Amino acid sequence: MNTLVPSYPAPPHDLIIYFGMIAIVVVVLPWAAAVFSAGNRPLRRRWLGAGLAVAAISAGLAFSGLLSRTDIRPPILHVLILCTLGGLLWHGLSTSGLATAHRASTASLVLLQSFRLPLEVLMLHAAQTGVMPVEFSMAGYNFDVLTGAGAVLVGAVLKLSPRRTGLHHALVWAWNLVGVACLLVIVALAVATSPNVGYFGRGVEHLALWTLYFPYVWLPVLLVGVAMYGHLIVTRKLLQTSRHQQPLALTHPL
């Protein structure tokens, strides 16, 4: 006898949001691999391979319906997020992360985070069409659009300025701290709008159920991971620069 598997409802279908999310991930994955490897082709292939593996696994779990199951504890999406973000955090804090900070240019690391500008515009549209909670957008409590816009401006300053000064150093620190703060707010919103918490209400319009489905699962698993790792590497680079009292490098410092 067949039984109905309990699952959270899928979000409304919207072609702009659906293909927009796919397009952002398709652009960001090879871009991040190029920035973090800084010209090292074997390393670039490893970064891209790891990203594609995570993308394929998360997509497969979403298509299988396992992510949206209400009877699985702990939720598979939570485990997936903890594994991917935990792995990136471990790598970023290790000697490998320090090597990445030496290799990658500050301007490239900052400009990479500009993907958060079109992402926030897409998320605003998602909120307006009922695909995701409005609280999760810039019309609610998500101010990450500042990080994306700031990345464009600060990255342009670093690229165009012929000399690095203490002002440049302070500018990158300010942008980085704002970006980290915005990312922490997003994490708090993800918890608040999760089905287990429902801080803003238990109605589906207040729950972040869209990330249980493809391609939106790539937001917490891939895009948040790139943003978090990028900020960690920028922080390590800034700390190294401060420690040795050297100007910010726009090319490989070693």
Protein backbone atom coordinates (compact mmCIF):
# COMPACT_ATOMS: atom_id res chain seq x y z
CA MET A 1 0.00 0.00 0.00
CA ASN A 2 1.41 3.38 -1.03
CA THR A 3 1.64 6.06 1.59
CA LEU A 4 1.99 9.78 1.00
CA VAL A 5 5.45 11.02 1.99
CA PRO A 6 5.12 14.21 4.07
CA SER A 7 7.02 17.09 2.50
CA TYR A 8 7.16 20.85 2.57
CA PRO A 9 5.39 22.56 -0.35
CA ALA A 10 7.39 23.70 -3.36
CA PRO A 11 7.63 27.45 -4.03
CA PRO A 12 5.70 29.06 -6.90
CA HIS A 13 7.46 28.60 -10.23
CA ASP A 14 9.02 31.70 -11.75
CA LEU A 15 11.27 31.45 -14.81
CA ILE A 16 13.24 34.60 -13.99
CA ILE A 17 14.15 33.39 -10.52
CA TYR A 18 14.69 29.78 -11.61
CA PHE A 19 17.07 30.48 -14.46
CA GLY A 20 18.51 33.55 -12.75
CA MET A 21 19.74 31.43 -9.84
CA ILE A 22 21.24 28.88 -12.22
CA ALA A 23 22.96 31.64 -14.20
CA ILE A 24 24.52 33.19 -11.08
CA VAL A 25 25.91 29.83 -9.93
CA VAL A 26 27.22 29.02 -13.42
CA VAL A 27 29.14 32.32 -13.39
CA VAL A 28 30.28 32.28 -9.75
CA LEU A 29 31.70 28.73 -9.55
CA PRO A 30 34.43 29.10 -12.23
CA TRP A 31 35.01 32.72 -11.19
CA ALA A 32 35.64 31.70 -7.56
CA ALA A 33 37.88 28.83 -8.67
CA ALA A 34 39.94 31.26 -10.75
CA VAL A 35 40.24 33.82 -7.93
CA PHE A 36 41.13 31.33 -5.18
CA SER A 37 43.69 29.52 -7.37
CA ALA A 38 45.22 32.75 -8.72
CA GLY A 39 46.58 31.26 -11.94
CA ASN A 40 47.49 27.82 -10.58
CA ARG A 41 45.75 25.58 -13.13
CA PRO A 42 45.82 22.28 -11.18
CA LEU A 43 44.49 24.07 -8.12
CA ARG A 44 41.84 25.79 -10.21
CA ARG A 45 40.66 22.42 -11.51
CA ARG A 46 40.45 21.07 -7.94
CA TRP A 47 38.41 24.07 -6.77
CA LEU A 48 36.07 23.79 -9.74
CA GLY A 49 35.77 20.03 -9.35
CA ALA A 50 34.86 20.36 -5.67
CA GLY A 51 32.26 23.02 -6.48
CA LEU A 52 30.70 20.94 -9.24
CA ALA A 53 30.58 17.91 -6.95
CA VAL A 54 28.72 19.87 -4.26
CA ALA A 55 26.40 21.33 -6.90
CA ALA A 56 25.61 17.87 -8.28
CA ILE A 57 25.04 16.27 -4.87
CA SER A 58 22.78 19.07 -3.64
CA ALA A 59 20.84 19.11 -6.92
CA GLY A 60 20.38 15.34 -6.78
CA LEU A 61 19.08 15.49 -3.21
CA ALA A 62 16.67 18.29 -4.15
CA PHE A 63 15.33 16.45 -7.20
CA SER A 64 14.93 13.25 -5.18
CA GLY A 65 12.61 15.03 -2.75
CA LEU A 66 14.73 14.09 0.26
CA LEU A 67 15.47 17.71 1.16
CA SER A 68 11.77 18.59 1.44
CA ARG A 69 10.84 15.58 3.57
CA THR A 70 9.38 16.64 6.92
CA ASP A 71 9.95 13.27 8.60
CA ILE A 72 13.76 13.13 8.30
CA ARG A 73 15.72 14.24 11.34
CA PRO A 74 18.13 15.93 11.28
CA PRO A 75 17.03 17.64 8.04
CA ILE A 76 19.34 16.63 5.20
CA LEU A 77 19.76 20.24 4.05
CA HIS A 78 21.09 21.20 7.48
CA VAL A 79 23.65 18.40 7.33
CA LEU A 80 24.65 19.40 3.80
CA ILE A 81 25.13 23.04 4.78
CA LEU A 82 27.14 22.16 7.88
CA CYS A 83 29.41 19.85 5.87
CA THR A 84 30.10 22.31 3.05
CA LEU A 85 30.46 25.44 5.17
CA GLY A 86 32.41 23.53 7.82
CA GLY A 87 34.81 22.23 5.18
CA LEU A 88 35.35 25.69 3.74
CA LEU A 89 35.85 27.17 7.22
CA TRP A 90 38.42 24.49 8.06
CA HIS A 91 40.26 25.10 4.78
CA GLY A 92 40.19 28.87 5.23
CA LEU A 93 41.65 28.67 8.73
CA SER A 94 44.33 26.15 7.76
CA THR A 95 47.73 26.74 6.18
CA SER A 96 46.03 26.12 2.82
CA GLY A 97 43.80 29.11 3.50
CA LEU A 98 46.84 31.21 4.34
CA ALA A 99 48.42 30.14 1.06
CA THR A 100 45.24 31.19 -0.73
CA ALA A 101 45.46 34.60 0.96
CA HIS A 102 49.05 34.98 -0.30
CA ARG A 103 48.17 33.91 -3.84
CA ALA A 104 44.92 35.76 -4.50
CA SER A 105 44.92 39.50 -5.15
CA THR A 106 42.91 41.73 -2.85
CA ALA A 107 41.08 43.38 -5.73
CA SER A 108 40.03 40.03 -7.20
CA LEU A 109 38.81 38.77 -3.84
CA VAL A 110 36.73 41.90 -3.32
CA LEU A 111 35.32 41.98 -6.86
CA LEU A 112 34.27 38.32 -6.59
CA GLN A 113 31.77 39.33 -3.91
CA SER A 114 30.01 41.63 -6.38
CA PHE A 115 27.83 38.65 -7.36
CA ARG A 116 25.83 39.46 -4.24
CA LEU A 117 24.42 42.59 -5.94
CA PRO A 118 22.50 40.79 -8.74
CA LEU A 119 21.70 37.99 -6.30
CA GLU A 120 19.95 40.42 -3.94
CA VAL A 121 18.01 41.93 -6.85
CA LEU A 122 16.91 38.42 -7.82
CA MET A 123 15.94 37.67 -4.22
CA LEU A 124 13.86 40.83 -4.05
CA HIS A 125 11.94 39.61 -7.09
CA ALA A 126 11.61 36.21 -5.38
CA ALA A 127 10.07 37.88 -2.34
CA GLN A 128 7.68 39.94 -4.46
CA THR A 129 6.46 36.82 -6.29
CA GLY A 130 6.06 34.73 -3.15
CA VAL A 131 8.94 32.36 -3.89
CA MET A 132 10.72 33.27 -0.65
CA PRO A 133 9.80 35.18 2.53
CA VAL A 134 9.91 38.96 2.20
CA GLU A 135 11.87 39.08 5.47
CA PHE A 136 14.77 37.43 3.62
CA SER A 137 15.01 40.23 1.02
CA MET A 138 16.21 43.83 1.03
CA ALA A 139 12.55 44.77 1.53
CA GLY A 140 12.83 42.99 4.87
CA TYR A 141 15.96 42.58 6.97
CA ASN A 142 18.56 41.51 4.41
CA PHE A 143 21.02 44.33 3.67
CA ASP A 144 23.57 42.27 1.74
CA VAL A 145 23.02 44.43 -1.34
CA LEU A 146 25.41 46.86 0.41
CA THR A 147 28.15 44.23 0.28
CA GLY A 148 27.64 43.59 -3.42
CA ALA A 149 27.53 47.27 -4.36
CA GLY A 150 30.49 47.99 -2.08
CA ALA A 151 32.48 45.20 -3.73
CA VAL A 152 32.07 46.90 -7.11
CA LEU A 153 33.18 50.28 -5.77
CA VAL A 154 36.04 49.11 -3.54
CA GLY A 155 37.27 46.63 -6.14
CA ALA A 156 37.31 49.38 -8.77
CA VAL A 157 39.30 51.66 -6.46
CA LEU A 158 41.89 48.92 -5.87
CA LYS A 159 42.15 48.11 -9.55
CA LEU A 160 42.48 51.72 -10.69
CA SER A 161 44.73 53.11 -7.94
CA PRO A 162 48.43 52.91 -8.86
CA ARG A 163 49.60 52.86 -5.23
CA ARG A 164 48.29 51.19 -2.09
CA THR A 165 47.96 53.41 0.99
CA GLY A 166 46.69 53.14 4.53
CA LEU A 167 43.39 54.56 3.27
CA HIS A 168 43.00 51.63 0.89
CA HIS A 169 43.73 49.24 3.73
CA ALA A 170 41.10 50.90 5.94
CA LEU A 171 38.60 50.91 3.06
CA VAL A 172 38.94 47.15 2.51
CA TRP A 173 38.67 46.50 6.25
CA ALA A 174 35.47 48.57 6.46
CA TRP A 175 33.91 46.82 3.46
CA ASN A 176 34.93 43.41 4.77
CA LEU A 177 33.43 44.01 8.21
CA VAL A 178 30.16 45.24 6.68
CA GLY A 179 30.07 42.16 4.47
CA VAL A 180 30.65 39.80 7.39
CA ALA A 181 27.93 41.54 9.39
CA CYS A 182 25.48 41.22 6.49
CA LEU A 183 26.37 37.54 6.14
CA LEU A 184 25.71 36.96 9.84
CA VAL A 185 22.32 38.65 9.48
CA ILE A 186 21.52 36.29 6.59
CA VAL A 187 22.43 33.29 8.75
CA ALA A 188 20.17 34.62 11.52
CA LEU A 189 17.35 35.12 9.02
CA ALA A 190 17.83 31.58 7.70
CA VAL A 191 17.38 30.25 11.23
CA ALA A 192 14.45 32.56 11.97
CA THR A 193 12.60 31.56 8.78
CA SER A 194 13.33 27.84 9.07
CA PRO A 195 10.30 25.54 9.63
CA ASN A 196 11.66 24.52 13.03
CA VAL A 197 11.71 28.12 14.30
CA GLY A 198 9.18 30.14 12.31
CA TYR A 199 10.02 33.36 14.13
CA PHE A 200 8.02 35.53 11.71
CA GLY A 201 5.09 33.13 11.53
CA ARG A 202 4.23 29.55 10.64
CA GLY A 203 2.59 30.36 7.33
CA VAL A 204 4.43 29.23 4.22
CA GLU A 205 4.87 32.88 3.21
CA HIS A 206 7.15 33.33 6.24
CA LEU A 207 9.18 30.11 5.90
CA ALA A 208 12.30 29.72 3.76
CA LEU A 209 11.11 26.55 2.05
CA TRP A 210 12.43 27.48 -1.38
CA THR A 211 15.99 26.34 -0.55
CA LEU A 212 14.67 22.78 -0.23
CA TYR A 213 14.17 22.71 -3.99
CA PHE A 214 16.38 23.01 -7.07
CA PRO A 215 18.05 25.34 -7.99
CA TYR A 216 17.51 27.38 -4.85
CA VAL A 217 19.37 24.83 -2.71
CA TRP A 218 22.52 26.23 -4.33
CA LEU A 219 22.05 29.50 -2.43
CA PRO A 220 22.96 28.23 1.07
CA VAL A 221 25.19 25.40 -0.10
CA LEU A 222 27.31 27.15 -2.76
CA LEU A 223 26.83 30.92 -2.84
CA VAL A 224 26.90 31.47 0.91
CA GLY A 225 29.98 29.24 1.00
CA VAL A 226 31.80 31.37 -1.59
CA ALA A 227 30.86 34.55 0.30
CA MET A 228 31.97 33.16 3.67
CA TYR A 229 35.25 31.74 2.39
CA GLY A 230 35.99 34.94 0.47
CA HIS A 231 35.58 37.09 3.58
CA LEU A 232 37.76 34.72 5.59
CA ILE A 233 40.57 34.90 3.03
CA VAL A 234 40.32 38.70 2.80
CA THR A 235 40.54 38.87 6.61
CA ARG A 236 43.63 36.65 6.67
CA LYS A 237 45.20 38.76 3.92
CA LEU A 238 44.50 42.00 5.77
CA LEU A 239 45.90 40.60 9.02
CA GLN A 240 49.07 39.47 7.27
CA THR A 241 49.41 42.88 5.64
CA SER A 242 48.99 44.63 9.00
CA ARG A 243 51.46 42.31 10.70
CA HIS A 244 54.20 42.94 8.17
CA GLN A 245 53.19 46.56 7.57
CA GLN A 246 53.14 46.05 3.82
CA PRO A 247 50.80 47.72 1.31
CA LEU A 248 47.91 45.77 -0.11
CA ALA A 249 49.00 43.84 -3.17
CA LEU A 250 46.89 43.65 -6.26
CA THR A 251 49.00 40.87 -7.71
CA HIS A 252 50.65 37.82 -6.19
CA PRO A 253 52.61 39.12 -3.14
CA LEU A 254 54.90 36.05 -3.14
